[in-house]
Amino acid sequence: MKSSISNEIVQLYLPVTDIRRSVDWYVKTLGFQVIWEDAGSANLKLPAGPLLFLKKTLKNQPIRFSLDNDTCAVLSFKTSDIENLHQELKDKNIAVSEIVTYGEGQNGPYQDFHLHDPDGHQLEINSYPDLTQFRGY
């Protein structure tokens, strides 16, 4: 039976309490480009990957989950120069965790660090190897 679902995620939704503040943060901090924006929502993009759709909410609702007494990011972004980006964010006075190295073999080693957007969404920045081998396209 052929699946009716496409082969990629096209958009991720995040609740934010202030559209303008969040758009500015994602543009200045992570290099997103604005596709469009209005008072209640905005759609942003990077050169690759799904679009990021910000939706205004009245209540702060940070997206993350806990595992073994540790909070985990739900969104992960790949960079080709993790040390440079880490330093660049620190120079912009963005609070970032230390860079941690994981894994061996086919899935590693890779590095990551974490930061939070203005609404407290925990984000991961990683240096994961080329993903084309895992995506199949």
Protein backbone atom coordinates (compact mmCIF):
# COMPACT_ATOMS: atom_id res chain seq x y z
CA MET A 1 0.00 0.00 0.00
CA LYS A 2 1.37 3.40 -1.00
CA SER A 3 1.52 6.02 1.76
CA SER A 4 -0.36 9.27 1.22
CA ILE A 5 2.05 11.22 3.44
CA SER A 6 4.77 13.21 1.72
CA ASN A 7 8.44 12.53 2.36
CA GLU A 8 9.25 15.57 4.47
CA ILE A 9 8.13 17.81 7.28
CA VAL A 10 7.24 21.16 5.73
CA GLN A 11 6.40 23.35 8.73
CA LEU A 12 6.91 23.43 12.50
CA TYR A 13 4.65 25.51 14.76
CA LEU A 14 5.79 27.33 17.89
CA PRO A 15 3.60 29.29 20.31
CA VAL A 16 5.06 32.73 21.12
CA THR A 17 3.78 35.59 23.25
CA ASP A 18 5.22 38.41 21.13
CA ILE A 19 5.49 37.94 17.36
CA ARG A 20 7.79 40.93 16.71
CA ARG A 21 10.20 40.00 19.52
CA SER A 22 10.35 36.36 18.37
CA VAL A 23 10.82 37.24 14.70
CA ASP A 24 13.67 39.60 15.61
CA TRP A 25 15.29 36.93 17.79
CA TYR A 26 15.12 34.14 15.19
CA VAL A 27 16.40 36.47 12.44
CA LYS A 28 19.24 38.02 14.47
CA THR A 29 20.22 34.92 16.46
CA LEU A 30 19.83 32.03 14.02
CA GLY A 31 19.73 33.73 10.62
CA PHE A 32 16.12 32.99 9.65
CA GLN A 33 14.49 34.95 6.83
CA VAL A 34 10.94 36.28 7.10
CA ILE A 35 8.52 34.92 4.51
CA TRP A 36 5.64 36.95 5.94
CA GLU A 37 4.51 38.39 9.26
CA ASP A 38 1.36 39.88 10.74
CA ALA A 39 0.20 40.70 14.29
CA GLY A 40 -0.83 37.12 15.08
CA SER A 41 1.70 34.96 13.26
CA ALA A 42 4.84 34.79 11.16
CA ASN A 43 6.42 32.28 8.81
CA LEU A 44 10.22 32.04 8.72
CA LYS A 45 12.74 29.99 6.77
CA LEU A 46 16.34 28.82 6.70
CA PRO A 47 18.14 27.75 3.48
CA ALA A 48 17.07 24.13 4.14
CA GLY A 49 14.55 22.28 6.28
CA PRO A 50 10.96 22.96 7.29
CA LEU A 51 9.48 26.42 7.69
CA LEU A 52 9.08 27.80 11.20
CA PHE A 53 5.57 29.11 11.86
CA LEU A 54 5.25 31.35 14.93
CA LYS A 55 1.73 31.70 16.32
CA LYS A 56 0.83 34.32 18.95
CA THR A 57 -0.58 32.95 22.18
CA LEU A 58 -1.69 34.72 25.34
CA LYS A 59 0.06 32.26 27.64
CA ASN A 60 3.75 31.32 27.58
CA GLN A 61 3.99 27.62 26.61
CA PRO A 62 7.67 26.58 26.28
CA ILE A 63 8.15 23.47 24.14
CA ARG A 64 10.50 20.88 25.67
CA PHE A 65 10.29 17.62 27.57
CA SER A 66 12.07 15.95 30.49
CA LEU A 67 14.00 12.70 30.49
CA ASP A 68 15.98 11.36 33.44
CA ASN A 69 15.77 14.72 35.28
CA ASP A 70 17.12 16.58 32.25
CA THR A 71 15.19 18.85 29.89
CA CYS A 72 15.42 18.02 26.20
CA ALA A 73 15.02 20.22 23.15
CA VAL A 74 12.28 19.47 20.65
CA LEU A 75 13.88 21.48 17.80
CA SER A 76 17.42 20.81 16.63
CA PHE A 77 19.36 22.89 14.12
CA LYS A 78 22.46 21.74 12.25
CA THR A 79 25.55 23.88 11.74
CA SER A 80 28.75 23.18 9.84
CA ASP A 81 30.89 25.24 12.26
CA ILE A 82 29.64 24.66 15.80
CA GLU A 83 32.56 26.30 17.59
CA ASN A 84 32.23 29.50 15.56
CA LEU A 85 28.44 29.68 16.01
CA HIS A 86 28.78 28.98 19.74
CA GLN A 87 31.24 31.88 20.11
CA GLU A 88 29.14 34.15 17.88
CA LEU A 89 26.08 33.59 20.09
CA LYS A 90 28.10 34.20 23.24
CA ASP A 91 29.41 37.44 21.70
CA LYS A 92 25.75 38.48 21.17
CA ASN A 93 25.13 37.80 24.90
CA ILE A 94 22.92 34.80 24.13
CA ALA A 95 23.04 32.28 27.00
CA VAL A 96 24.30 28.97 25.62
CA SER A 97 25.30 25.72 27.27
CA GLU A 98 28.76 24.30 26.87
CA ILE A 99 29.48 22.24 23.74
CA VAL A 100 29.19 18.50 24.45
CA THR A 101 30.60 15.71 22.25
CA TYR A 102 28.69 12.44 21.76
CA GLY A 103 28.86 9.13 19.96
CA GLU A 104 31.16 7.06 17.83
CA GLY A 105 30.88 5.19 14.57
CA GLN A 106 28.13 5.80 12.00
CA ASN A 107 26.26 8.34 14.12
CA GLY A 108 29.20 10.21 15.55
CA PRO A 109 31.10 11.77 16.92
CA TYR A 110 28.97 14.88 16.90
CA GLN A 111 28.64 17.90 19.14
CA ASP A 112 25.76 19.97 20.40
CA PHE A 113 24.82 22.82 22.70
CA HIS A 114 21.53 24.32 23.87
CA LEU A 115 19.95 27.73 24.09
CA HIS A 116 16.47 29.14 24.72
CA ASP A 117 14.42 31.55 22.65
CA PRO A 118 12.55 34.48 24.30
CA ASP A 119 9.57 32.25 25.16
CA GLY A 120 11.74 29.57 26.77
CA HIS A 121 11.66 27.02 23.93
CA GLN A 122 14.77 24.92 24.38
CA LEU A 123 16.69 24.64 21.11
CA GLU A 124 19.61 22.42 20.20
CA ILE A 125 22.41 23.36 17.82
CA ASN A 126 24.37 20.35 16.57
CA SER A 127 27.15 19.34 14.22
CA TYR A 128 25.50 16.09 13.20
CA PRO A 129 27.16 14.47 10.15
CA ASP A 130 25.72 14.80 6.66
CA LEU A 131 22.07 13.79 6.91
CA THR A 132 21.53 12.80 3.26
CA GLN A 133 22.64 9.24 4.01
CA PHE A 134 19.87 8.91 6.60
CA ARG A 135 17.14 10.73 4.67
CA GLY A 136 17.41 8.68 1.50
CA TYR A 137 17.23 11.67 -0.85
